[in-house]
Amino acid sequence: MTSLFIKSIKFLVGGAFILVLAIALFGSVKGVIYEPPAETAEHMMHKHPEPLKLASDGLLGKFDRRQLQRGFLVYKDVCSTCHSLNLVSFRNLKDLGYTDAEVKKIAKDWGTKQPVFDEKGGTWGERDNVPSDRFPKVYYPGTGTPPDLSLITKARHNGAAYVHSLLTGYNEKPSAEALKHFPEFAKTPDGMHFNPYFANLNIAMPPPLTQDGQVNYSDGTRATIPQMSEDVAAFLVWTAEPTLETRHAAGLAVLGFLIFAAFLTYGAYRSVWAGVKH
């Protein structure tokens, strides 16, 4: 009798639990159908990055050295004023095809110098960069340090396409339909700039690329805004993963070895168990 009573209690508790879950599920589904969440400005205006195809994409992708050098020029002439590459050393530029002499000159002529602390005087000074130095941090007193770009294409989903779309998306404006629902976006706040590819829609960074020919390419490539944007995106893919080509080569070698080992194992299996019922 006691056992039957305990079993009945268990069934009642389990049934009550299932009933509560069913009521909660019904209420949630009913709320979504009859009272859907209001559409936000982000949902209506935010855009996903436009597709961008680079030579480094895919399993067999390799860097286009000429494009990387063009991208470095865009970074040096346009982006480096505000953004650092503190995980990259000047000597790494040799991987792009620059000579030792060119790397030394780039390091020495770099606008931001290396900070040096004078232990005797207790003051900070500066010295010229050398190839072994990392790109120095950019700091603005009172406003802080702008984002470092070393890993930006790893820190953002579809990073290269995000960088490209962000740099070329400043001229886009909210649609008339979007402004009907969110009239406050008709006027961008002071010090901000509308960009549909930025998560918050309004970004403090002014348009970095403002006109064609802003950077002089030595290889004869026409420096349009889309071209400069694509080149610097490719360069930032390299800064985030400079060993990409080595990783691809190692991956293919490992894959080939595993395929060979699989055939070898199968051959050994057939040889060892030949003529044996199993």
C-alpha atoms as a PDB file:
ATOM      1  CA  MET A   1       0.000   0.000   0.000  1.00  0.00           C
ATOM      2  CA  THR A   2       2.784   2.380   0.921  1.00  0.00           C
ATOM      3  CA  SER A   3       4.639   1.540  -2.301  1.00  0.00           C
ATOM      4  CA  LEU A   4       1.537   2.289  -4.387  1.00  0.00           C
ATOM      5  CA  PHE A   5       1.071   5.605  -2.581  1.00  0.00           C
ATOM      6  CA  ILE A   6       4.683   6.615  -3.239  1.00  0.00           C
ATOM      7  CA  LYS A   7       4.343   5.714  -6.917  1.00  0.00           C
ATOM      8  CA  SER A   8       1.162   7.768  -7.151  1.00  0.00           C
ATOM      9  CA  ILE A   9       2.948  10.775  -5.628  1.00  0.00           C
ATOM     10  CA  LYS A  10       5.774  10.412  -8.156  1.00  0.00           C
ATOM     11  CA  PHE A  11       3.336  10.355 -11.050  1.00  0.00           C
ATOM     12  CA  LEU A  12       1.497  13.392  -9.698  1.00  0.00           C
ATOM     13  CA  VAL A  13       4.724  15.368  -9.253  1.00  0.00           C
ATOM     14  CA  GLY A  14       5.943  14.381 -12.728  1.00  0.00           C
ATOM     15  CA  GLY A  15       2.595  15.235 -14.291  1.00  0.00           C
ATOM     16  CA  ALA A  16       2.522  18.617 -12.549  1.00  0.00           C
ATOM     17  CA  PHE A  17       6.038  19.351 -13.784  1.00  0.00           C
ATOM     18  CA  ILE A  18       5.095  18.454 -17.373  1.00  0.00           C
ATOM     19  CA  LEU A  19       1.932  20.559 -17.099  1.00  0.00           C
ATOM     20  CA  VAL A  20       3.887  23.607 -15.916  1.00  0.00           C
ATOM     21  CA  LEU A  21       6.357  23.207 -18.805  1.00  0.00           C
ATOM     22  CA  ALA A  22       3.503  22.860 -21.297  1.00  0.00           C
ATOM     23  CA  ILE A  23       1.811  26.021 -19.971  1.00  0.00           C
ATOM     24  CA  ALA A  24       5.101  27.937 -20.146  1.00  0.00           C
ATOM     25  CA  LEU A  25       5.754  26.732 -23.699  1.00  0.00           C
ATOM     26  CA  PHE A  26       2.207  27.612 -24.769  1.00  0.00           C
ATOM     27  CA  GLY A  27       2.543  31.082 -23.262  1.00  0.00           C
ATOM     28  CA  SER A  28       5.882  31.690 -25.008  1.00  0.00           C
ATOM     29  CA  VAL A  29       4.614  30.535 -28.411  1.00  0.00           C
ATOM     30  CA  LYS A  30       1.416  32.554 -28.024  1.00  0.00           C
ATOM     31  CA  GLY A  31       3.431  35.657 -27.106  1.00  0.00           C
ATOM     32  CA  VAL A  32       5.688  35.307 -30.151  1.00  0.00           C
ATOM     33  CA  ILE A  33       2.685  34.879 -32.484  1.00  0.00           C
ATOM     34  CA  TYR A  34       0.347  37.541 -31.109  1.00  0.00           C
ATOM     35  CA  GLU A  35       2.862  39.939 -29.572  1.00  0.00           C
ATOM     36  CA  PRO A  36       6.082  39.668 -31.609  1.00  0.00           C
ATOM     37  CA  PRO A  37       9.068  41.671 -30.338  1.00  0.00           C
ATOM     38  CA  ALA A  38       9.294  45.147 -31.789  1.00  0.00           C
ATOM     39  CA  GLU A  39      11.795  45.542 -34.594  1.00  0.00           C
ATOM     40  CA  THR A  40      14.863  47.469 -33.504  1.00  0.00           C
ATOM     41  CA  ALA A  41      16.890  49.998 -35.472  1.00  0.00           C
ATOM     42  CA  GLU A  42      19.746  47.510 -35.630  1.00  0.00           C
ATOM     43  CA  HIS A  43      17.533  44.814 -37.173  1.00  0.00           C
ATOM     44  CA  MET A  44      16.143  47.203 -39.756  1.00  0.00           C
ATOM     45  CA  MET A  45      19.302  49.102 -40.759  1.00  0.00           C
ATOM     46  CA  HIS A  46      22.296  46.944 -39.939  1.00  0.00           C
ATOM     47  CA  LYS A  47      23.822  45.173 -42.936  1.00  0.00           C
ATOM     48  CA  HIS A  48      26.033  42.125 -43.140  1.00  0.00           C
ATOM     49  CA  PRO A  49      29.391  42.608 -44.883  1.00  0.00           C
ATOM     50  CA  GLU A  50      29.451  42.339 -48.660  1.00  0.00           C
ATOM     51  CA  PRO A  51      31.301  39.229 -49.915  1.00  0.00           C
ATOM     52  CA  LEU A  52      35.012  39.749 -50.496  1.00  0.00           C
ATOM     53  CA  LYS A  53      37.229  37.279 -52.328  1.00  0.00           C
ATOM     54  CA  LEU A  54      40.956  37.311 -51.541  1.00  0.00           C
ATOM     55  CA  ALA A  55      43.854  35.229 -52.837  1.00  0.00           C
ATOM     56  CA  SER A  56      44.390  33.859 -49.323  1.00  0.00           C
ATOM     57  CA  ASP A  57      40.901  32.331 -49.121  1.00  0.00           C
ATOM     58  CA  GLY A  58      40.317  28.609 -49.233  1.00  0.00           C
ATOM     59  CA  LEU A  59      42.318  25.487 -48.488  1.00  0.00           C
ATOM     60  CA  LEU A  60      44.952  26.297 -51.124  1.00  0.00           C
ATOM     61  CA  GLY A  61      44.934  30.070 -50.571  1.00  0.00           C
ATOM     62  CA  LYS A  62      48.164  32.051 -50.747  1.00  0.00           C
ATOM     63  CA  PHE A  63      48.889  35.692 -50.080  1.00  0.00           C
ATOM     64  CA  ASP A  64      49.226  38.107 -52.980  1.00  0.00           C
ATOM     65  CA  ARG A  65      52.452  39.898 -51.985  1.00  0.00           C
ATOM     66  CA  ARG A  66      51.799  42.870 -54.254  1.00  0.00           C
ATOM     67  CA  GLN A  67      48.378  43.363 -52.717  1.00  0.00           C
ATOM     68  CA  LEU A  68      49.823  43.065 -49.213  1.00  0.00           C
ATOM     69  CA  GLN A  69      52.389  45.770 -49.980  1.00  0.00           C
ATOM     70  CA  ARG A  70      49.617  48.010 -51.307  1.00  0.00           C
ATOM     71  CA  GLY A  71      47.588  47.295 -48.173  1.00  0.00           C
ATOM     72  CA  PHE A  72      50.556  48.194 -45.991  1.00  0.00           C
ATOM     73  CA  LEU A  73      50.856  51.532 -47.809  1.00  0.00           C
ATOM     74  CA  VAL A  74      47.175  52.227 -47.082  1.00  0.00           C
ATOM     75  CA  TYR A  75      47.704  51.341 -43.429  1.00  0.00           C
ATOM     76  CA  LYS A  76      50.871  53.473 -43.216  1.00  0.00           C
ATOM     77  CA  ASP A  77      49.446  56.548 -44.955  1.00  0.00           C
ATOM     78  CA  VAL A  78      45.872  56.413 -43.654  1.00  0.00           C
ATOM     79  CA  CYS A  79      45.297  54.108 -40.672  1.00  0.00           C
ATOM     80  CA  SER A  80      48.522  54.300 -38.655  1.00  0.00           C
ATOM     81  CA  THR A  81      47.751  57.785 -37.360  1.00  0.00           C
ATOM     82  CA  CYS A  82      45.081  56.321 -35.082  1.00  0.00           C
ATOM     83  CA  HIS A  83      45.546  52.549 -35.021  1.00  0.00           C
ATOM     84  CA  SER A  84      48.573  50.489 -34.029  1.00  0.00           C
ATOM     85  CA  LEU A  85      49.749  46.979 -34.942  1.00  0.00           C
ATOM     86  CA  ASN A  86      51.320  46.133 -31.624  1.00  0.00           C
ATOM     87  CA  LEU A  87      51.565  42.389 -32.312  1.00  0.00           C
ATOM     88  CA  VAL A  88      53.566  42.893 -35.503  1.00  0.00           C
ATOM     89  CA  SER A  89      57.275  43.769 -35.717  1.00  0.00           C
ATOM     90  CA  PHE A  90      58.804  45.931 -38.427  1.00  0.00           C
ATOM     91  CA  ARG A  91      61.078  43.050 -39.450  1.00  0.00           C
ATOM     92  CA  ASN A  92      57.981  40.983 -40.278  1.00  0.00           C
ATOM     93  CA  LEU A  93      57.567  43.229 -43.304  1.00  0.00           C
ATOM     94  CA  LYS A  94      60.328  41.227 -44.997  1.00  0.00           C
ATOM     95  CA  ASP A  95      57.702  38.517 -45.464  1.00  0.00           C
ATOM     96  CA  LEU A  96      55.890  40.936 -47.785  1.00  0.00           C
ATOM     97  CA  GLY A  97      58.943  41.293 -50.022  1.00  0.00           C
ATOM     98  CA  TYR A  98      60.651  44.318 -48.494  1.00  0.00           C
ATOM     99  CA  THR A  99      64.453  44.261 -48.230  1.00  0.00           C
ATOM    100  CA  ASP A 100      66.409  44.750 -44.997  1.00  0.00           C
ATOM    101  CA  ALA A 101      67.324  48.287 -46.040  1.00  0.00           C
ATOM    102  CA  GLU A 102      63.696  49.133 -46.807  1.00  0.00           C
ATOM    103  CA  VAL A 103      62.543  47.726 -43.465  1.00  0.00           C
ATOM    104  CA  LYS A 104      65.166  49.787 -41.613  1.00  0.00           C
ATOM    105  CA  LYS A 105      64.035  52.939 -43.393  1.00  0.00           C
ATOM    106  CA  ILE A 106      60.358  52.234 -42.735  1.00  0.00           C
ATOM    107  CA  ALA A 107      61.083  51.694 -39.042  1.00  0.00           C
ATOM    108  CA  LYS A 108      63.230  54.811 -38.701  1.00  0.00           C
ATOM    109  CA  ASP A 109      60.799  57.071 -40.572  1.00  0.00           C
ATOM    110  CA  TRP A 110      57.710  55.791 -38.734  1.00  0.00           C
ATOM    111  CA  GLY A 111      55.681  58.673 -37.306  1.00  0.00           C
ATOM    112  CA  THR A 112      55.199  57.223 -33.814  1.00  0.00           C
ATOM    113  CA  LYS A 113      58.447  56.614 -31.959  1.00  0.00           C
ATOM    114  CA  GLN A 114      59.322  54.054 -29.298  1.00  0.00           C
ATOM    115  CA  PRO A 115      58.864  55.333 -25.720  1.00  0.00           C
ATOM    116  CA  VAL A 116      61.969  55.137 -23.535  1.00  0.00           C
ATOM    117  CA  PHE A 117      62.095  55.603 -19.772  1.00  0.00           C
ATOM    118  CA  ASP A 118      65.086  57.439 -18.335  1.00  0.00           C
ATOM    119  CA  GLU A 119      65.702  55.767 -14.968  1.00  0.00           C
ATOM    120  CA  LYS A 120      68.108  58.481 -13.831  1.00  0.00           C
ATOM    121  CA  GLY A 121      65.869  61.411 -14.642  1.00  0.00           C
ATOM    122  CA  GLY A 122      62.581  59.566 -14.037  1.00  0.00           C
ATOM    123  CA  THR A 123      61.161  60.877 -17.295  1.00  0.00           C
ATOM    124  CA  TRP A 124      59.906  59.398 -20.532  1.00  0.00           C
ATOM    125  CA  GLY A 125      61.537  60.082 -23.856  1.00  0.00           C
ATOM    126  CA  GLU A 126      61.481  58.694 -27.387  1.00  0.00           C
ATOM    127  CA  ARG A 127      63.842  56.957 -29.788  1.00  0.00           C
ATOM    128  CA  ASP A 128      63.669  55.903 -33.424  1.00  0.00           C
ATOM    129  CA  ASN A 129      62.213  52.508 -34.195  1.00  0.00           C
ATOM    130  CA  VAL A 130      64.471  49.638 -35.256  1.00  0.00           C
ATOM    131  CA  PRO A 131      63.406  46.526 -37.230  1.00  0.00           C
ATOM    132  CA  SER A 132      63.162  44.380 -34.087  1.00  0.00           C
ATOM    133  CA  ASP A 133      60.609  46.752 -32.540  1.00  0.00           C
ATOM    134  CA  ARG A 134      56.913  46.161 -32.764  1.00  0.00           C
ATOM    135  CA  PHE A 135      54.758  48.843 -34.317  1.00  0.00           C
ATOM    136  CA  PRO A 136      54.367  51.362 -31.472  1.00  0.00           C
ATOM    137  CA  LYS A 137      51.057  51.929 -29.754  1.00  0.00           C
ATOM    138  CA  VAL A 138      49.084  55.042 -30.601  1.00  0.00           C
ATOM    139  CA  TYR A 139      47.799  56.911 -27.562  1.00  0.00           C
ATOM    140  CA  TYR A 140      45.797  60.113 -27.304  1.00  0.00           C
ATOM    141  CA  PRO A 141      45.874  61.754 -23.843  1.00  0.00           C
ATOM    142  CA  GLY A 142      42.373  62.214 -22.542  1.00  0.00           C
ATOM    143  CA  THR A 143      40.729  59.900 -25.072  1.00  0.00           C
ATOM    144  CA  GLY A 144      42.698  56.686 -24.651  1.00  0.00           C
ATOM    145  CA  THR A 145      44.026  54.164 -27.127  1.00  0.00           C
ATOM    146  CA  PRO A 146      42.122  53.461 -30.363  1.00  0.00           C
ATOM    147  CA  PRO A 147      41.615  49.764 -31.199  1.00  0.00           C
ATOM    148  CA  ASP A 148      44.728  47.867 -32.245  1.00  0.00           C
ATOM    149  CA  LEU A 149      44.299  46.306 -35.695  1.00  0.00           C
ATOM    150  CA  SER A 150      46.702  43.375 -35.371  1.00  0.00           C
ATOM    151  CA  LEU A 151      43.906  40.813 -34.933  1.00  0.00           C
ATOM    152  CA  ILE A 152      40.886  42.770 -36.163  1.00  0.00           C
ATOM    153  CA  THR A 153      40.075  40.281 -38.937  1.00  0.00           C
ATOM    154  CA  LYS A 154      40.072  37.489 -36.344  1.00  0.00           C
ATOM    155  CA  ALA A 155      38.034  39.499 -33.846  1.00  0.00           C
ATOM    156  CA  ARG A 156      35.182  40.129 -36.306  1.00  0.00           C
ATOM    157  CA  HIS A 157      33.055  37.543 -38.079  1.00  0.00           C
ATOM    158  CA  ASN A 158      34.058  37.381 -41.737  1.00  0.00           C
ATOM    159  CA  GLY A 159      36.783  39.845 -40.780  1.00  0.00           C
ATOM    160  CA  ALA A 160      38.228  40.872 -44.156  1.00  0.00           C
ATOM    161  CA  ALA A 161      34.772  41.467 -45.638  1.00  0.00           C
ATOM    162  CA  TYR A 162      33.797  43.408 -42.504  1.00  0.00           C
ATOM    163  CA  VAL A 163      36.800  45.740 -42.812  1.00  0.00           C
ATOM    164  CA  HIS A 164      36.167  46.269 -46.532  1.00  0.00           C
ATOM    165  CA  SER A 165      32.443  46.968 -46.082  1.00  0.00           C
ATOM    166  CA  LEU A 166      32.997  49.244 -43.091  1.00  0.00           C
ATOM    167  CA  LEU A 167      35.530  51.397 -44.953  1.00  0.00           C
ATOM    168  CA  THR A 168      33.302  51.731 -48.021  1.00  0.00           C
ATOM    169  CA  GLY A 169      29.964  52.035 -46.187  1.00  0.00           C
ATOM    170  CA  TYR A 170      30.079  55.634 -45.014  1.00  0.00           C
ATOM    171  CA  ASN A 171      28.131  56.999 -47.982  1.00  0.00           C
ATOM    172  CA  GLU A 172      25.112  54.788 -47.339  1.00  0.00           C
ATOM    173  CA  LYS A 173      22.099  56.389 -45.668  1.00  0.00           C
ATOM    174  CA  PRO A 174      19.078  54.923 -43.836  1.00  0.00           C
ATOM    175  CA  SER A 175      16.214  54.020 -46.135  1.00  0.00           C
ATOM    176  CA  ALA A 176      13.005  56.065 -46.138  1.00  0.00           C
ATOM    177  CA  GLU A 177      11.149  53.078 -44.683  1.00  0.00           C
ATOM    178  CA  ALA A 178      13.656  52.823 -41.815  1.00  0.00           C
ATOM    179  CA  LEU A 179      13.389  56.542 -41.075  1.00  0.00           C
ATOM    180  CA  LYS A 180       9.595  56.229 -40.765  1.00  0.00           C
ATOM    181  CA  HIS A 181      10.089  53.843 -37.868  1.00  0.00           C
ATOM    182  CA  PHE A 182      13.188  55.497 -36.413  1.00  0.00           C
ATOM    183  CA  PRO A 183      13.129  59.232 -37.293  1.00  0.00           C
ATOM    184  CA  GLU A 184      15.918  59.925 -34.797  1.00  0.00           C
ATOM    185  CA  PHE A 185      18.380  58.461 -37.323  1.00  0.00           C
ATOM    186  CA  ALA A 186      17.559  61.251 -39.807  1.00  0.00           C
ATOM    187  CA  LYS A 187      20.265  63.312 -38.102  1.00  0.00           C
ATOM    188  CA  THR A 188      23.515  61.707 -37.014  1.00  0.00           C
ATOM    189  CA  PRO A 189      24.693  62.849 -33.537  1.00  0.00           C
ATOM    190  CA  ASP A 190      27.588  65.302 -33.450  1.00  0.00           C
ATOM    191  CA  GLY A 191      30.938  63.571 -33.666  1.00  0.00           C
ATOM    192  CA  MET A 192      29.388  60.371 -35.048  1.00  0.00           C
ATOM    193  CA  HIS A 193      29.045  58.936 -38.546  1.00  0.00           C
ATOM    194  CA  PHE A 194      26.335  56.620 -39.828  1.00  0.00           C
ATOM    195  CA  ASN A 195      27.611  53.306 -41.148  1.00  0.00           C
ATOM    196  CA  PRO A 196      25.198  50.356 -41.593  1.00  0.00           C
ATOM    197  CA  TYR A 197      28.029  47.809 -41.315  1.00  0.00           C
ATOM    198  CA  PHE A 198      28.930  48.942 -37.791  1.00  0.00           C
ATOM    199  CA  ALA A 199      27.007  47.128 -35.047  1.00  0.00           C
ATOM    200  CA  ASN A 200      25.821  50.339 -33.352  1.00  0.00           C
ATOM    201  CA  LEU A 201      25.100  52.025 -36.718  1.00  0.00           C
ATOM    202  CA  ASN A 202      26.806  55.248 -35.597  1.00  0.00           C
ATOM    203  CA  ILE A 203      30.609  55.166 -35.373  1.00  0.00           C
ATOM    204  CA  ALA A 204      32.975  57.796 -33.991  1.00  0.00           C
ATOM    205  CA  MET A 205      35.680  57.123 -36.593  1.00  0.00           C
ATOM    206  CA  PRO A 206      35.439  59.565 -39.525  1.00  0.00           C
ATOM    207  CA  PRO A 207      35.667  58.076 -43.033  1.00  0.00           C
ATOM    208  CA  PRO A 208      39.359  57.128 -43.445  1.00  0.00           C
ATOM    209  CA  LEU A 209      39.175  56.746 -47.229  1.00  0.00           C
ATOM    210  CA  THR A 210      37.664  59.884 -48.692  1.00  0.00           C
ATOM    211  CA  GLN A 211      38.878  60.080 -52.301  1.00  0.00           C
ATOM    212  CA  ASP A 212      40.520  58.103 -55.057  1.00  0.00           C
ATOM    213  CA  GLY A 213      44.286  58.498 -55.245  1.00  0.00           C
ATOM    214  CA  GLN A 214      44.613  59.028 -51.505  1.00  0.00           C
ATOM    215  CA  VAL A 215      47.563  56.612 -51.578  1.00  0.00           C
ATOM    216  CA  ASN A 216      50.171  56.432 -54.330  1.00  0.00           C
ATOM    217  CA  TYR A 217      50.659  52.851 -55.544  1.00  0.00           C
ATOM    218  CA  SER A 218      54.068  52.205 -57.061  1.00  0.00           C
ATOM    219  CA  ASP A 219      52.894  49.181 -59.087  1.00  0.00           C
ATOM    220  CA  GLY A 220      50.534  51.225 -61.248  1.00  0.00           C
ATOM    221  CA  THR A 221      47.309  49.952 -59.652  1.00  0.00           C
ATOM    222  CA  ARG A 222      44.589  52.606 -59.652  1.00  0.00           C
ATOM    223  CA  ALA A 223      44.003  53.607 -56.030  1.00  0.00           C
ATOM    224  CA  THR A 224      40.206  53.798 -55.929  1.00  0.00           C
ATOM    225  CA  ILE A 225      38.416  53.724 -52.593  1.00  0.00           C
ATOM    226  CA  PRO A 226      37.180  50.119 -53.081  1.00  0.00           C
ATOM    227  CA  GLN A 227      40.670  49.034 -54.181  1.00  0.00           C
ATOM    228  CA  MET A 228      42.389  50.654 -51.195  1.00  0.00           C
ATOM    229  CA  SER A 229      39.803  49.158 -48.871  1.00  0.00           C
ATOM    230  CA  GLU A 230      40.266  45.676 -50.311  1.00  0.00           C
ATOM    231  CA  ASP A 231      44.055  45.964 -50.137  1.00  0.00           C
ATOM    232  CA  VAL A 232      44.155  47.047 -46.497  1.00  0.00           C
ATOM    233  CA  ALA A 233      41.676  44.279 -45.616  1.00  0.00           C
ATOM    234  CA  ALA A 234      44.023  41.745 -47.233  1.00  0.00           C
ATOM    235  CA  PHE A 235      46.963  43.234 -45.316  1.00  0.00           C
ATOM    236  CA  LEU A 236      45.075  42.917 -42.014  1.00  0.00           C
ATOM    237  CA  VAL A 237      44.340  39.266 -42.793  1.00  0.00           C
ATOM    238  CA  TRP A 238      48.116  38.805 -43.000  1.00  0.00           C
ATOM    239  CA  THR A 239      48.770  40.658 -39.714  1.00  0.00           C
ATOM    240  CA  ALA A 240      46.242  38.424 -37.968  1.00  0.00           C
ATOM    241  CA  GLU A 241      47.678  35.209 -39.389  1.00  0.00           C
ATOM    242  CA  PRO A 242      51.106  35.680 -40.997  1.00  0.00           C
ATOM    243  CA  THR A 243      51.726  31.902 -40.955  1.00  0.00           C
ATOM    244  CA  LEU A 244      48.573  31.108 -42.958  1.00  0.00           C
ATOM    245  CA  GLU A 245      50.487  29.698 -45.929  1.00  0.00           C
ATOM    246  CA  THR A 246      52.617  27.493 -43.659  1.00  0.00           C
ATOM    247  CA  ARG A 247      49.494  26.237 -41.906  1.00  0.00           C
ATOM    248  CA  HIS A 248      47.850  25.416 -45.241  1.00  0.00           C
ATOM    249  CA  ALA A 249      50.959  23.532 -46.405  1.00  0.00           C
ATOM    250  CA  ALA A 250      51.217  21.617 -43.126  1.00  0.00           C
ATOM    251  CA  GLY A 251      47.532  20.743 -43.254  1.00  0.00           C
ATOM    252  CA  LEU A 252      47.828  19.338 -46.772  1.00  0.00           C
ATOM    253  CA  ALA A 253      50.924  17.334 -45.784  1.00  0.00           C
ATOM    254  CA  VAL A 254      49.129  15.878 -42.738  1.00  0.00           C
ATOM    255  CA  LEU A 255      46.050  15.089 -44.822  1.00  0.00           C
ATOM    256  CA  GLY A 256      48.193  13.314 -47.426  1.00  0.00           C
ATOM    257  CA  PHE A 257      49.977  11.325 -44.720  1.00  0.00           C
ATOM    258  CA  LEU A 258      46.688  10.239 -43.142  1.00  0.00           C
ATOM    259  CA  ILE A 259      45.334   9.072 -46.511  1.00  0.00           C
ATOM    260  CA  PHE A 260      48.561   7.124 -47.168  1.00  0.00           C
ATOM    261  CA  ALA A 261      48.450   5.647 -43.644  1.00  0.00           C
ATOM    262  CA  ALA A 262      44.832   4.582 -44.166  1.00  0.00           C
ATOM    263  CA  PHE A 263      45.708   2.667 -47.369  1.00  0.00           C
ATOM    264  CA  LEU A 264      48.784   1.178 -45.658  1.00  0.00           C
ATOM    265  CA  THR A 265      46.698   0.036 -42.681  1.00  0.00           C
ATOM    266  CA  TYR A 266      44.089  -1.499 -44.955  1.00  0.00           C
ATOM    267  CA  GLY A 267      46.792  -3.337 -46.918  1.00  0.00           C
ATOM    268  CA  ALA A 268      48.325  -4.668 -43.692  1.00  0.00           C
ATOM    269  CA  TYR A 269      44.897  -5.800 -42.525  1.00  0.00           C
ATOM    270  CA  ARG A 270      44.266  -7.706 -45.745  1.00  0.00           C
ATOM    271  CA  SER A 271      47.727  -9.282 -45.588  1.00  0.00           C
ATOM    272  CA  VAL A 272      47.566 -10.386 -41.946  1.00  0.00           C
ATOM    273  CA  TRP A 273      44.059 -11.835 -42.200  1.00  0.00           C
ATOM    274  CA  ALA A 274      44.409 -13.351 -45.662  1.00  0.00           C
ATOM    275  CA  GLY A 275      42.964 -16.895 -45.773  1.00  0.00           C
ATOM    276  CA  VAL A 276      41.630 -16.680 -42.236  1.00  0.00           C
ATOM    277  CA  LYS A 277      37.900 -16.861 -41.654  1.00  0.00           C
ATOM    278  CA  HIS A 278      36.710 -13.962 -39.522  1.00  0.00           C
END
